[in-house]
Amino acid sequence: MSRGRNPLVLSQIIGDVLDPFDKSATMRIMYNGLEITNSTGMKAAQVASAPRVEISGSDQSRLYTLVMVDPDSPSPSNPSNREYLNWLVTDIPEASDEMR
């Protein structure tokens, strides 16, 4: 994986939360039509419903696991609950369907 201007490297997600990896699929997450990108901040009311998740890659037989964590909970200056698990979904097929 290129480490150049990768937002996951720049925000220290890769290197702190994740080990370096080679990308094998593309994932999009949307809440109410708003696509979530690295460091998107949202209020609890905005994420009360399940998001729309789209995963596409080159191997339709693969299943994916989606883990949403807060890497510096409760705040970057006081990360006392490091990598707080918000939710986890397993066995997601590669497709462009809504995952809940």
N, C-alpha and C. Protein backbone atom coordinates (compact mmCIF):
# COMPACT_ATOMS: atom_id res chain seq x y z
N MET A 1 0.84 -1.18 0.00
CA MET A 1 0.00 0.00 0.00
C MET A 1 0.87 1.23 0.00
N SER A 2 0.54 2.17 -0.85
CA SER A 2 1.30 3.40 -0.91
C SER A 2 1.07 4.20 0.37
N ARG A 3 2.15 4.67 0.95
CA ARG A 3 2.04 5.42 2.20
C ARG A 3 2.03 6.92 1.96
N GLY A 4 2.20 7.36 0.70
CA GLY A 4 2.30 8.77 0.35
C GLY A 4 1.34 9.68 1.09
N ARG A 5 0.23 9.99 0.47
CA ARG A 5 -0.76 10.91 1.06
C ARG A 5 -2.01 10.17 1.51
N ASN A 6 -1.87 8.90 1.83
CA ASN A 6 -2.99 8.10 2.28
C ASN A 6 -3.55 8.71 3.56
N PRO A 7 -4.85 9.08 3.58
CA PRO A 7 -5.41 9.71 4.78
C PRO A 7 -5.36 8.81 6.01
N LEU A 8 -5.37 7.49 5.82
CA LEU A 8 -5.28 6.59 6.98
C LEU A 8 -3.88 6.61 7.60
N VAL A 9 -2.87 6.87 6.78
CA VAL A 9 -1.50 7.00 7.29
C VAL A 9 -1.34 8.37 7.93
N LEU A 10 -1.80 9.41 7.24
CA LEU A 10 -1.66 10.77 7.76
C LEU A 10 -2.36 10.96 9.10
N SER A 11 -3.50 10.29 9.27
CA SER A 11 -4.24 10.42 10.53
C SER A 11 -3.78 9.40 11.57
N GLN A 12 -2.76 8.64 11.25
CA GLN A 12 -2.14 7.65 12.12
C GLN A 12 -3.05 6.46 12.44
N ILE A 13 -4.09 6.23 11.62
CA ILE A 13 -4.90 5.02 11.79
C ILE A 13 -4.04 3.82 11.44
N ILE A 14 -3.37 3.90 10.25
CA ILE A 14 -2.40 2.86 9.90
C ILE A 14 -1.13 3.18 10.67
N GLY A 15 -0.71 2.23 11.46
CA GLY A 15 0.46 2.43 12.31
C GLY A 15 0.07 2.47 13.77
N ASP A 16 -1.17 2.89 14.06
CA ASP A 16 -1.65 2.93 15.45
C ASP A 16 -2.76 1.90 15.65
N VAL A 17 -3.82 1.99 14.86
CA VAL A 17 -4.96 1.08 14.97
C VAL A 17 -4.77 -0.14 14.07
N LEU A 18 -4.29 0.07 12.85
CA LEU A 18 -4.12 -1.00 11.86
C LEU A 18 -2.67 -1.15 11.46
N ASP A 19 -2.28 -2.37 11.16
CA ASP A 19 -0.99 -2.61 10.53
C ASP A 19 -1.12 -2.25 9.05
N PRO A 20 -0.02 -1.94 8.38
CA PRO A 20 -0.09 -1.68 6.93
C PRO A 20 -0.72 -2.87 6.20
N PHE A 21 -1.47 -2.58 5.12
CA PHE A 21 -2.15 -3.63 4.38
C PHE A 21 -2.27 -3.24 2.92
N ASP A 22 -2.52 -4.23 2.07
CA ASP A 22 -2.79 -4.00 0.66
C ASP A 22 -4.30 -3.99 0.47
N LYS A 23 -4.80 -2.95 -0.14
CA LYS A 23 -6.23 -2.78 -0.37
C LYS A 23 -6.73 -3.84 -1.35
N SER A 24 -7.80 -4.56 -1.00
CA SER A 24 -8.35 -5.60 -1.87
C SER A 24 -9.78 -5.30 -2.31
N ALA A 25 -10.40 -4.27 -1.75
CA ALA A 25 -11.77 -3.91 -2.10
C ALA A 25 -11.98 -2.44 -1.79
N THR A 26 -13.06 -1.91 -2.34
CA THR A 26 -13.43 -0.52 -2.08
C THR A 26 -14.72 -0.53 -1.26
N MET A 27 -14.79 0.32 -0.26
CA MET A 27 -15.96 0.38 0.58
C MET A 27 -16.44 1.82 0.68
N ARG A 28 -17.76 1.99 0.59
CA ARG A 28 -18.39 3.29 0.80
C ARG A 28 -19.42 3.13 1.92
N ILE A 29 -19.45 4.10 2.84
CA ILE A 29 -20.42 4.11 3.93
C ILE A 29 -21.16 5.44 3.86
N MET A 30 -22.50 5.38 3.86
CA MET A 30 -23.30 6.58 3.77
C MET A 30 -24.39 6.60 4.83
N TYR A 31 -24.50 7.71 5.49
CA TYR A 31 -25.61 7.97 6.42
C TYR A 31 -26.47 9.05 5.79
N ASN A 32 -27.73 8.73 5.55
CA ASN A 32 -28.68 9.70 4.98
C ASN A 32 -28.10 10.40 3.76
N GLY A 33 -27.43 9.66 2.88
CA GLY A 33 -26.88 10.22 1.66
C GLY A 33 -25.54 10.91 1.81
N LEU A 34 -25.02 11.05 3.03
CA LEU A 34 -23.72 11.68 3.26
C LEU A 34 -22.66 10.60 3.34
N GLU A 35 -21.69 10.63 2.40
CA GLU A 35 -20.63 9.63 2.41
C GLU A 35 -19.63 9.94 3.52
N ILE A 36 -19.31 8.91 4.29
CA ILE A 36 -18.38 9.05 5.39
C ILE A 36 -16.96 8.87 4.85
N THR A 37 -16.09 9.80 5.18
CA THR A 37 -14.69 9.71 4.81
C THR A 37 -13.86 9.79 6.08
N ASN A 38 -12.56 9.62 5.95
CA ASN A 38 -11.68 9.65 7.11
C ASN A 38 -11.88 10.94 7.91
N SER A 39 -12.06 10.81 9.20
CA SER A 39 -12.22 11.91 10.14
C SER A 39 -13.54 12.66 10.03
N THR A 40 -14.56 12.05 9.41
CA THR A 40 -15.88 12.67 9.37
C THR A 40 -16.47 12.64 10.76
N GLY A 41 -16.86 13.77 11.26
CA GLY A 41 -17.51 13.85 12.57
C GLY A 41 -19.01 13.92 12.41
N MET A 42 -19.72 13.13 13.20
CA MET A 42 -21.18 13.15 13.14
C MET A 42 -21.75 13.09 14.55
N LYS A 43 -22.91 13.68 14.71
CA LYS A 43 -23.61 13.64 16.00
C LYS A 43 -24.41 12.35 16.11
N ALA A 44 -24.71 11.95 17.33
CA ALA A 44 -25.44 10.70 17.57
C ALA A 44 -26.75 10.64 16.80
N ALA A 45 -27.48 11.73 16.72
CA ALA A 45 -28.76 11.75 16.01
C ALA A 45 -28.58 11.48 14.52
N GLN A 46 -27.43 11.84 13.95
CA GLN A 46 -27.18 11.62 12.53
C GLN A 46 -26.88 10.16 12.22
N VAL A 47 -26.46 9.40 13.21
CA VAL A 47 -26.10 8.00 12.99
C VAL A 47 -27.01 7.04 13.74
N ALA A 48 -28.22 7.49 14.06
CA ALA A 48 -29.16 6.66 14.81
C ALA A 48 -29.63 5.46 13.99
N SER A 49 -29.72 5.63 12.67
CA SER A 49 -30.12 4.54 11.79
C SER A 49 -28.88 3.87 11.20
N ALA A 50 -29.05 2.62 10.77
CA ALA A 50 -27.94 1.89 10.16
C ALA A 50 -27.52 2.59 8.86
N PRO A 51 -26.24 2.57 8.54
CA PRO A 51 -25.77 3.20 7.31
C PRO A 51 -25.99 2.30 6.10
N ARG A 52 -25.84 2.87 4.93
CA ARG A 52 -25.78 2.10 3.69
C ARG A 52 -24.30 1.80 3.47
N VAL A 53 -23.98 0.53 3.21
CA VAL A 53 -22.60 0.09 3.01
C VAL A 53 -22.49 -0.58 1.65
N GLU A 54 -21.52 -0.14 0.85
CA GLU A 54 -21.28 -0.74 -0.45
C GLU A 54 -19.83 -1.24 -0.48
N ILE A 55 -19.64 -2.50 -0.83
CA ILE A 55 -18.30 -3.09 -0.94
C ILE A 55 -18.17 -3.65 -2.35
N SER A 56 -17.09 -3.26 -3.02
CA SER A 56 -16.83 -3.81 -4.35
C SER A 56 -15.35 -4.13 -4.48
N GLY A 57 -15.07 -5.23 -5.13
CA GLY A 57 -13.70 -5.67 -5.32
C GLY A 57 -13.63 -6.58 -6.52
N SER A 58 -12.72 -7.52 -6.49
CA SER A 58 -12.52 -8.38 -7.66
C SER A 58 -12.86 -9.85 -7.40
N ASP A 59 -13.38 -10.17 -6.21
CA ASP A 59 -13.66 -11.57 -5.88
C ASP A 59 -15.03 -11.68 -5.21
N GLN A 60 -16.05 -12.02 -6.00
CA GLN A 60 -17.43 -12.08 -5.49
C GLN A 60 -17.64 -13.18 -4.45
N SER A 61 -16.68 -14.09 -4.28
CA SER A 61 -16.84 -15.18 -3.30
C SER A 61 -16.38 -14.78 -1.90
N ARG A 62 -15.75 -13.63 -1.77
CA ARG A 62 -15.25 -13.20 -0.46
C ARG A 62 -16.37 -12.64 0.42
N LEU A 63 -16.19 -12.83 1.71
CA LEU A 63 -17.05 -12.21 2.71
C LEU A 63 -16.19 -11.26 3.52
N TYR A 64 -16.77 -10.16 3.95
CA TYR A 64 -16.02 -9.12 4.65
C TYR A 64 -16.56 -8.92 6.05
N THR A 65 -15.73 -8.35 6.90
CA THR A 65 -16.12 -7.96 8.25
C THR A 65 -15.90 -6.46 8.37
N LEU A 66 -16.89 -5.76 8.83
CA LEU A 66 -16.82 -4.31 9.01
C LEU A 66 -16.80 -4.01 10.50
N VAL A 67 -15.75 -3.33 10.93
CA VAL A 67 -15.59 -2.97 12.34
C VAL A 67 -15.51 -1.46 12.42
N MET A 68 -16.41 -0.84 13.15
CA MET A 68 -16.37 0.61 13.34
C MET A 68 -15.94 0.90 14.77
N VAL A 69 -14.76 1.52 14.87
CA VAL A 69 -14.22 1.87 16.18
C VAL A 69 -13.94 3.36 16.24
N ASP A 70 -13.89 3.87 17.43
CA ASP A 70 -13.44 5.24 17.68
C ASP A 70 -12.02 5.09 18.22
N PRO A 71 -11.00 5.43 17.42
CA PRO A 71 -9.62 5.16 17.84
C PRO A 71 -9.08 6.04 18.95
N ASP A 72 -9.76 7.13 19.27
CA ASP A 72 -9.25 8.00 20.33
C ASP A 72 -10.37 8.47 21.26
N SER A 73 -11.25 7.56 21.62
CA SER A 73 -12.37 7.86 22.51
C SER A 73 -11.87 8.11 23.93
N PRO A 74 -12.40 9.05 24.67
CA PRO A 74 -13.47 9.97 24.30
C PRO A 74 -13.00 11.19 23.50
N SER A 75 -11.69 11.45 23.45
CA SER A 75 -11.19 12.57 22.67
C SER A 75 -9.71 12.34 22.34
N PRO A 76 -9.20 13.01 21.30
CA PRO A 76 -7.78 12.84 20.96
C PRO A 76 -6.85 13.24 22.09
N SER A 77 -7.24 14.22 22.89
CA SER A 77 -6.37 14.66 23.98
C SER A 77 -6.46 13.77 25.22
N ASN A 78 -7.52 12.92 25.28
CA ASN A 78 -7.70 12.02 26.42
C ASN A 78 -8.22 10.67 25.92
N PRO A 79 -7.37 9.91 25.21
CA PRO A 79 -7.84 8.63 24.64
C PRO A 79 -7.84 7.50 25.65
N SER A 80 -8.62 7.63 26.71
CA SER A 80 -8.63 6.64 27.78
C SER A 80 -9.37 5.36 27.41
N ASN A 81 -10.28 5.42 26.46
CA ASN A 81 -11.02 4.24 26.01
C ASN A 81 -10.60 3.88 24.60
N ARG A 82 -9.29 3.75 24.38
CA ARG A 82 -8.73 3.51 23.05
C ARG A 82 -9.50 2.45 22.28
N GLU A 83 -9.75 2.74 21.01
CA GLU A 83 -10.40 1.83 20.07
C GLU A 83 -11.73 1.31 20.60
N TYR A 84 -12.59 2.22 20.99
CA TYR A 84 -13.93 1.88 21.47
C TYR A 84 -14.74 1.28 20.32
N LEU A 85 -15.27 0.09 20.50
CA LEU A 85 -16.05 -0.59 19.48
C LEU A 85 -17.46 -0.01 19.43
N ASN A 86 -17.82 0.58 18.28
CA ASN A 86 -19.17 1.09 18.08
C ASN A 86 -20.09 0.01 17.55
N TRP A 87 -19.66 -0.71 16.51
CA TRP A 87 -20.41 -1.85 16.02
C TRP A 87 -19.56 -2.70 15.10
N LEU A 88 -20.05 -3.95 14.90
CA LEU A 88 -19.33 -4.93 14.10
C LEU A 88 -20.35 -5.73 13.30
N VAL A 89 -20.08 -5.92 12.00
CA VAL A 89 -20.94 -6.72 11.13
C VAL A 89 -20.03 -7.72 10.43
N THR A 90 -20.42 -9.00 10.43
CA THR A 90 -19.60 -10.03 9.79
C THR A 90 -20.33 -10.62 8.59
N ASP A 91 -19.58 -11.35 7.78
CA ASP A 91 -20.11 -12.09 6.62
C ASP A 91 -20.84 -11.19 5.62
N ILE A 92 -20.26 -10.05 5.31
CA ILE A 92 -20.83 -9.13 4.33
C ILE A 92 -20.38 -9.59 2.94
N PRO A 93 -21.31 -9.89 2.04
CA PRO A 93 -20.92 -10.29 0.69
C PRO A 93 -20.48 -9.08 -0.12
N GLU A 94 -19.68 -9.31 -1.12
CA GLU A 94 -19.25 -8.25 -2.02
C GLU A 94 -20.40 -7.93 -2.94
N ALA A 95 -20.96 -6.76 -2.81
CA ALA A 95 -22.09 -6.31 -3.62
C ALA A 95 -22.34 -4.85 -3.32
N SER A 96 -23.28 -4.26 -4.01
CA SER A 96 -23.68 -2.89 -3.73
C SER A 96 -25.08 -2.91 -3.14
N ASP A 97 -25.20 -3.52 -1.99
CA ASP A 97 -26.50 -3.62 -1.32
C ASP A 97 -26.40 -2.99 0.05
N GLU A 98 -27.53 -2.64 0.59
CA GLU A 98 -27.59 -2.06 1.92
C GLU A 98 -27.33 -3.16 2.95
N MET A 99 -26.39 -2.90 3.86
CA MET A 99 -26.06 -3.86 4.92
C MET A 99 -26.58 -3.30 6.23
N ARG A 100 -27.29 -4.11 6.96
CA ARG A 100 -27.80 -3.67 8.27
C ARG A 100 -27.58 -4.74 9.28
